Amino acid sequence: MAVRRRAGSARKMMAFSRIVTCHTEEEYAKVFRKAGEKDLVLVEFVAGWSTSSKNMAPYLNTLARSPEYKKVHFVRVDMEALRSVAEKANVKALPTYQLYRNGEKLEEMSGAMPAKLVAMLKTHHVKDKKSGPGKLIGLVAGLLLGIFGLLKLKDQIEEWEAEEEERVAIAEAEEEARRLAEEEAKERARAARARAQQATKV
């Protein structure tokens, strides 16, 4: 029963994914026809033996499910299954990500670098949006958020540095107190020996 439930949930997750896995050249071409002239198409070239490809799969699945990229068509191509497509796309490394609009390649990146992939997608996705006051407001808001983020990071770094300085100061104070205590103990021992020697002479 539990096995059936797990299998059912796995099917639901697969059904929820917006990534189209192409097994033929016709399926690959169909994605571009469906995207038309305006929509972006992100093609991921992978292989079953590539560890980096497997590591990137969760990130691409997350991007594909994001409402922000609902107009982006996500395509996965297994190089071993569709060598002809990979050769035409001039794929040299795995995983490779190519971004297209109207059949024209806009940008490409290779390797397991989620942040770079998001940056590439965001750069061209923003261009898709309408220009005018709305875009300007969005850019200004983005800049302000970036500035606030940097200021927050700066404050956090300064806080960490202050905490580290405080830890160092405490450690130095403890070390100094320990040194003084040791010197005081030695002085007491010397005084005690001196008194003992004086007592024996008397």
C-alpha atoms as a PDB file:
ATOM      1  CA  MET A   1       0.000   0.000   0.000  1.00  0.00           C
ATOM      2  CA  ALA A   2       2.806   2.364   0.970  1.00  0.00           C
ATOM      3  CA  VAL A   3       4.612   1.559  -2.274  1.00  0.00           C
ATOM      4  CA  ARG A   4       1.546   2.483  -4.311  1.00  0.00           C
ATOM      5  CA  ARG A   5       1.168   5.754  -2.404  1.00  0.00           C
ATOM      6  CA  ARG A   6       4.806   6.668  -3.049  1.00  0.00           C
ATOM      7  CA  ALA A   7       4.510   5.795  -6.720  1.00  0.00           C
ATOM      8  CA  GLY A   8       1.370   7.917  -6.981  1.00  0.00           C
ATOM      9  CA  SER A   9       3.064  10.910  -5.365  1.00  0.00           C
ATOM     10  CA  ALA A  10       6.083  10.487  -7.665  1.00  0.00           C
ATOM     11  CA  ARG A  11       3.752  10.527 -10.700  1.00  0.00           C
ATOM     12  CA  LYS A  12       2.131  13.722  -9.388  1.00  0.00           C
ATOM     13  CA  MET A  13       5.529  15.379  -8.984  1.00  0.00           C
ATOM     14  CA  MET A  14       6.515  14.372 -12.523  1.00  0.00           C
ATOM     15  CA  ALA A  15       3.207  15.642 -13.869  1.00  0.00           C
ATOM     16  CA  PHE A  16       3.714  18.935 -12.050  1.00  0.00           C
ATOM     17  CA  SER A  17       7.105  19.501 -13.683  1.00  0.00           C
ATOM     18  CA  ARG A  18       7.101  21.900 -16.646  1.00  0.00           C
ATOM     19  CA  ILE A  19      10.332  20.501 -18.066  1.00  0.00           C
ATOM     20  CA  VAL A  20       9.815  18.769 -21.406  1.00  0.00           C
ATOM     21  CA  THR A  21      12.226  15.878 -21.911  1.00  0.00           C
ATOM     22  CA  CYS A  22      12.787  15.430 -25.639  1.00  0.00           C
ATOM     23  CA  HIS A  23      13.390  11.965 -27.053  1.00  0.00           C
ATOM     24  CA  THR A  24      13.171  12.847 -30.766  1.00  0.00           C
ATOM     25  CA  GLU A  25      14.124  15.747 -33.009  1.00  0.00           C
ATOM     26  CA  GLU A  26      10.421  16.283 -33.728  1.00  0.00           C
ATOM     27  CA  GLU A  27       9.666  16.759 -30.024  1.00  0.00           C
ATOM     28  CA  TYR A  28      12.562  19.213 -29.789  1.00  0.00           C
ATOM     29  CA  ALA A  29      11.324  21.237 -32.789  1.00  0.00           C
ATOM     30  CA  LYS A  30       7.775  21.198 -31.399  1.00  0.00           C
ATOM     31  CA  VAL A  31       8.887  23.059 -28.268  1.00  0.00           C
ATOM     32  CA  PHE A  32      10.261  25.926 -30.371  1.00  0.00           C
ATOM     33  CA  ARG A  33       7.107  26.059 -32.483  1.00  0.00           C
ATOM     34  CA  LYS A  34       5.014  26.237 -29.326  1.00  0.00           C
ATOM     35  CA  ALA A  35       7.211  29.017 -27.878  1.00  0.00           C
ATOM     36  CA  GLY A  36       6.618  31.194 -30.929  1.00  0.00           C
ATOM     37  CA  GLU A  37       8.533  34.424 -31.476  1.00  0.00           C
ATOM     38  CA  LYS A  38       8.355  35.963 -27.995  1.00  0.00           C
ATOM     39  CA  ASP A  39       8.678  33.223 -25.375  1.00  0.00           C
ATOM     40  CA  LEU A  40      12.078  32.139 -24.105  1.00  0.00           C
ATOM     41  CA  VAL A  41      13.247  28.534 -24.442  1.00  0.00           C
ATOM     42  CA  LEU A  42      15.845  27.222 -21.983  1.00  0.00           C
ATOM     43  CA  VAL A  43      17.477  24.015 -23.205  1.00  0.00           C
ATOM     44  CA  GLU A  44      19.379  21.837 -20.734  1.00  0.00           C
ATOM     45  CA  PHE A  45      21.805  19.321 -22.273  1.00  0.00           C
ATOM     46  CA  VAL A  46      22.557  16.455 -19.882  1.00  0.00           C
ATOM     47  CA  ALA A  47      23.665  12.826 -19.750  1.00  0.00           C
ATOM     48  CA  GLY A  48      22.820  10.011 -17.354  1.00  0.00           C
ATOM     49  CA  TRP A  49      26.487   9.455 -16.429  1.00  0.00           C
ATOM     50  CA  SER A  50      27.131  13.156 -15.635  1.00  0.00           C
ATOM     51  CA  THR A  51      27.157  13.854 -11.874  1.00  0.00           C
ATOM     52  CA  SER A  52      26.993  17.610 -12.499  1.00  0.00           C
ATOM     53  CA  SER A  53      23.845  17.124 -14.575  1.00  0.00           C
ATOM     54  CA  LYS A  54      22.219  15.215 -11.703  1.00  0.00           C
ATOM     55  CA  ASN A  55      23.288  17.866  -9.189  1.00  0.00           C
ATOM     56  CA  MET A  56      21.637  20.615 -11.246  1.00  0.00           C
ATOM     57  CA  ALA A  57      18.322  18.789 -11.727  1.00  0.00           C
ATOM     58  CA  PRO A  58      16.690  20.060  -8.481  1.00  0.00           C
ATOM     59  CA  TYR A  59      17.586  23.674  -9.291  1.00  0.00           C
ATOM     60  CA  LEU A  60      16.118  23.477 -12.789  1.00  0.00           C
ATOM     61  CA  ASN A  61      12.981  21.790 -11.424  1.00  0.00           C
ATOM     62  CA  THR A  62      12.576  24.674  -8.954  1.00  0.00           C
ATOM     63  CA  LEU A  63      12.994  27.286 -11.686  1.00  0.00           C
ATOM     64  CA  ALA A  64      10.513  25.492 -13.915  1.00  0.00           C
ATOM     65  CA  ARG A  65       7.913  25.508 -11.128  1.00  0.00           C
ATOM     66  CA  SER A  66       8.460  29.200 -10.320  1.00  0.00           C
ATOM     67  CA  PRO A  67       5.521  31.464 -11.349  1.00  0.00           C
ATOM     68  CA  GLU A  68       8.075  34.096 -12.379  1.00  0.00           C
ATOM     69  CA  TYR A  69       9.161  31.921 -15.309  1.00  0.00           C
ATOM     70  CA  LYS A  70       5.762  30.546 -16.328  1.00  0.00           C
ATOM     71  CA  LYS A  71       6.265  31.851 -19.891  1.00  0.00           C
ATOM     72  CA  VAL A  72       9.690  30.233 -20.243  1.00  0.00           C
ATOM     73  CA  HIS A  73       9.737  26.824 -21.953  1.00  0.00           C
ATOM     74  CA  PHE A  74      12.109  24.411 -20.207  1.00  0.00           C
ATOM     75  CA  VAL A  75      13.581  21.605 -22.298  1.00  0.00           C
ATOM     76  CA  ARG A  76      15.839  18.731 -21.259  1.00  0.00           C
ATOM     77  CA  VAL A  77      17.915  16.923 -23.894  1.00  0.00           C
ATOM     78  CA  ASP A  78      19.880  13.767 -23.136  1.00  0.00           C
ATOM     79  CA  MET A  79      23.007  13.952 -25.314  1.00  0.00           C
ATOM     80  CA  GLU A  80      23.174  10.182 -25.667  1.00  0.00           C
ATOM     81  CA  ALA A  81      19.565   9.971 -26.852  1.00  0.00           C
ATOM     82  CA  LEU A  82      19.712  12.976 -29.189  1.00  0.00           C
ATOM     83  CA  ARG A  83      23.330  13.271 -30.332  1.00  0.00           C
ATOM     84  CA  SER A  84      22.314  15.067 -33.539  1.00  0.00           C
ATOM     85  CA  VAL A  85      20.628  17.905 -31.583  1.00  0.00           C
ATOM     86  CA  ALA A  86      23.605  18.235 -29.229  1.00  0.00           C
ATOM     87  CA  GLU A  87      26.032  18.332 -32.165  1.00  0.00           C
ATOM     88  CA  LYS A  88      24.006  21.025 -33.959  1.00  0.00           C
ATOM     89  CA  ALA A  89      23.953  23.041 -30.708  1.00  0.00           C
ATOM     90  CA  ASN A  90      27.757  22.593 -30.474  1.00  0.00           C
ATOM     91  CA  VAL A  91      27.604  21.271 -26.902  1.00  0.00           C
ATOM     92  CA  LYS A  92      31.106  20.730 -25.487  1.00  0.00           C
ATOM     93  CA  ALA A  93      30.475  20.203 -21.755  1.00  0.00           C
ATOM     94  CA  LEU A  94      27.790  18.930 -19.386  1.00  0.00           C
ATOM     95  CA  PRO A  95      25.491  20.239 -18.251  1.00  0.00           C
ATOM     96  CA  THR A  96      25.109  23.012 -20.851  1.00  0.00           C
ATOM     97  CA  TYR A  97      22.282  25.566 -20.816  1.00  0.00           C
ATOM     98  CA  GLN A  98      21.282  27.480 -23.929  1.00  0.00           C
ATOM     99  CA  LEU A  99      18.688  30.232 -23.970  1.00  0.00           C
ATOM    100  CA  TYR A 100      16.727  30.897 -27.169  1.00  0.00           C
ATOM    101  CA  ARG A 101      14.105  33.300 -28.445  1.00  0.00           C
ATOM    102  CA  ASN A 102      12.480  32.804 -31.844  1.00  0.00           C
ATOM    103  CA  GLY A 103      15.033  30.094 -32.637  1.00  0.00           C
ATOM    104  CA  GLU A 104      17.990  32.418 -32.020  1.00  0.00           C
ATOM    105  CA  LYS A 105      20.486  31.578 -29.294  1.00  0.00           C
ATOM    106  CA  LEU A 106      20.784  34.481 -26.852  1.00  0.00           C
ATOM    107  CA  GLU A 107      23.240  33.086 -24.336  1.00  0.00           C
ATOM    108  CA  GLU A 108      24.922  29.907 -23.172  1.00  0.00           C
ATOM    109  CA  MET A 109      26.607  28.590 -20.028  1.00  0.00           C
ATOM    110  CA  SER A 110      28.135  25.285 -18.968  1.00  0.00           C
ATOM    111  CA  GLY A 111      28.675  23.690 -15.583  1.00  0.00           C
ATOM    112  CA  ALA A 112      26.826  23.205 -12.313  1.00  0.00           C
ATOM    113  CA  MET A 113      26.422  26.861 -11.377  1.00  0.00           C
ATOM    114  CA  PRO A 114      22.849  27.569 -10.205  1.00  0.00           C
ATOM    115  CA  ALA A 115      23.483  31.274  -9.455  1.00  0.00           C
ATOM    116  CA  LYS A 116      24.875  31.891 -12.953  1.00  0.00           C
ATOM    117  CA  LEU A 117      21.925  30.074 -14.528  1.00  0.00           C
ATOM    118  CA  VAL A 118      19.438  32.210 -12.573  1.00  0.00           C
ATOM    119  CA  ALA A 119      21.325  35.390 -13.535  1.00  0.00           C
ATOM    120  CA  MET A 120      21.279  34.414 -17.228  1.00  0.00           C
ATOM    121  CA  LEU A 121      17.575  33.644 -17.103  1.00  0.00           C
ATOM    122  CA  LYS A 122      16.708  36.825 -15.206  1.00  0.00           C
ATOM    123  CA  THR A 123      18.734  39.020 -17.589  1.00  0.00           C
ATOM    124  CA  HIS A 124      16.803  37.939 -20.676  1.00  0.00           C
ATOM    125  CA  HIS A 125      13.488  37.445 -18.888  1.00  0.00           C
ATOM    126  CA  VAL A 126      13.497  41.108 -17.785  1.00  0.00           C
ATOM    127  CA  LYS A 127      14.008  42.162 -21.413  1.00  0.00           C
ATOM    128  CA  ASP A 128      10.785  40.313 -22.243  1.00  0.00           C
ATOM    129  CA  LYS A 129       8.766  42.577 -19.992  1.00  0.00           C
ATOM    130  CA  LYS A 130       7.221  45.798 -21.257  1.00  0.00           C
ATOM    131  CA  SER A 131       9.342  48.916 -21.256  1.00  0.00           C
ATOM    132  CA  GLY A 132       8.221  52.274 -19.885  1.00  0.00           C
ATOM    133  CA  PRO A 133       7.561  53.624 -16.379  1.00  0.00           C
ATOM    134  CA  GLY A 134       6.821  50.181 -14.984  1.00  0.00           C
ATOM    135  CA  LYS A 135      10.171  48.840 -16.130  1.00  0.00           C
ATOM    136  CA  LEU A 136      11.978  51.925 -14.814  1.00  0.00           C
ATOM    137  CA  ILE A 137      10.268  51.559 -11.431  1.00  0.00           C
ATOM    138  CA  GLY A 138      11.225  47.889 -11.403  1.00  0.00           C
ATOM    139  CA  LEU A 139      14.861  48.695 -12.171  1.00  0.00           C
ATOM    140  CA  VAL A 140      14.978  51.415  -9.499  1.00  0.00           C
ATOM    141  CA  ALA A 141      13.351  49.065  -6.986  1.00  0.00           C
ATOM    142  CA  GLY A 142      15.889  46.392  -7.900  1.00  0.00           C
ATOM    143  CA  LEU A 143      18.767  48.820  -7.416  1.00  0.00           C
ATOM    144  CA  LEU A 144      17.394  49.980  -4.070  1.00  0.00           C
ATOM    145  CA  LEU A 145      16.940  46.398  -2.899  1.00  0.00           C
ATOM    146  CA  GLY A 146      20.491  45.682  -4.011  1.00  0.00           C
ATOM    147  CA  ILE A 147      21.808  48.701  -2.090  1.00  0.00           C
ATOM    148  CA  PHE A 148      19.820  47.777   1.024  1.00  0.00           C
ATOM    149  CA  GLY A 149      21.100  44.220   0.689  1.00  0.00           C
ATOM    150  CA  LEU A 150      24.706  45.438   0.504  1.00  0.00           C
ATOM    151  CA  LEU A 151      24.182  47.753   3.485  1.00  0.00           C
ATOM    152  CA  LYS A 152      22.664  44.897   5.466  1.00  0.00           C
ATOM    153  CA  LEU A 153      25.585  42.663   4.526  1.00  0.00           C
ATOM    154  CA  LYS A 154      28.024  45.437   5.502  1.00  0.00           C
ATOM    155  CA  ASP A 155      26.299  45.813   8.896  1.00  0.00           C
ATOM    156  CA  GLN A 156      26.403  42.060   9.404  1.00  0.00           C
ATOM    157  CA  ILE A 157      30.121  41.914   8.558  1.00  0.00           C
ATOM    158  CA  GLU A 158      30.825  44.826  10.907  1.00  0.00           C
ATOM    159  CA  GLU A 159      28.831  43.053  13.617  1.00  0.00           C
ATOM    160  CA  TRP A 160      30.841  39.863  13.080  1.00  0.00           C
ATOM    161  CA  GLU A 161      34.090  41.863  13.199  1.00  0.00           C
ATOM    162  CA  ALA A 162      32.998  43.599  16.422  1.00  0.00           C
ATOM    163  CA  GLU A 163      32.113  40.240  17.985  1.00  0.00           C
ATOM    164  CA  GLU A 164      35.478  38.831  16.914  1.00  0.00           C
ATOM    165  CA  GLU A 165      37.317  41.865  18.362  1.00  0.00           C
ATOM    166  CA  GLU A 166      35.379  41.415  21.597  1.00  0.00           C
ATOM    167  CA  ARG A 167      36.299  37.713  21.722  1.00  0.00           C
ATOM    168  CA  VAL A 168      39.964  38.560  21.126  1.00  0.00           C
ATOM    169  CA  ALA A 169      39.888  41.290  23.822  1.00  0.00           C
ATOM    170  CA  ILE A 170      38.300  38.877  26.334  1.00  0.00           C
ATOM    171  CA  ALA A 171      40.868  36.186  25.497  1.00  0.00           C
ATOM    172  CA  GLU A 172      43.719  38.710  25.927  1.00  0.00           C
ATOM    173  CA  ALA A 173      42.279  39.920  29.257  1.00  0.00           C
ATOM    174  CA  GLU A 174      41.954  36.332  30.495  1.00  0.00           C
ATOM    175  CA  GLU A 175      45.515  35.587  29.426  1.00  0.00           C
ATOM    176  CA  GLU A 176      46.806  38.719  31.205  1.00  0.00           C
ATOM    177  CA  ALA A 177      44.875  37.804  34.378  1.00  0.00           C
ATOM    178  CA  ARG A 178      46.323  34.286  34.246  1.00  0.00           C
ATOM    179  CA  ARG A 179      49.859  35.677  33.797  1.00  0.00           C
ATOM    180  CA  LEU A 180      49.450  38.080  36.735  1.00  0.00           C
ATOM    181  CA  ALA A 181      48.064  35.287  38.924  1.00  0.00           C
ATOM    182  CA  GLU A 182      51.038  33.075  38.067  1.00  0.00           C
ATOM    183  CA  GLU A 183      53.506  35.890  38.854  1.00  0.00           C
ATOM    184  CA  GLU A 184      51.715  36.595  42.126  1.00  0.00           C
ATOM    185  CA  ALA A 185      51.842  32.894  43.050  1.00  0.00           C
ATOM    186  CA  LYS A 186      55.591  32.778  42.273  1.00  0.00           C
ATOM    187  CA  GLU A 187      56.174  35.901  44.367  1.00  0.00           C
ATOM    188  CA  ARG A 188      54.303  34.365  47.305  1.00  0.00           C
ATOM    189  CA  ALA A 189      56.339  31.172  46.949  1.00  0.00           C
ATOM    190  CA  ARG A 190      59.593  33.173  46.953  1.00  0.00           C
ATOM    191  CA  ALA A 191      58.470  35.134  50.038  1.00  0.00           C
ATOM    192  CA  ALA A 192      57.518  31.917  51.821  1.00  0.00           C
ATOM    193  CA  ARG A 193      60.918  30.378  51.039  1.00  0.00           C
ATOM    194  CA  ALA A 194      62.677  33.518  52.259  1.00  0.00           C
ATOM    195  CA  ARG A 195      60.730  33.444  55.530  1.00  0.00           C
ATOM    196  CA  ALA A 196      61.498  29.774  55.973  1.00  0.00           C
ATOM    197  CA  GLN A 197      65.236  30.369  55.414  1.00  0.00           C
ATOM    198  CA  GLN A 198      65.176  33.271  57.891  1.00  0.00           C
ATOM    199  CA  ALA A 199      63.439  31.108  60.459  1.00  0.00           C
ATOM    200  CA  THR A 200      66.097  28.361  60.173  1.00  0.00           C
ATOM    201  CA  LYS A 201      68.901  30.892  60.683  1.00  0.00           C
ATOM    202  CA  VAL A 202      67.311  32.155  63.885  1.00  0.00           C
END
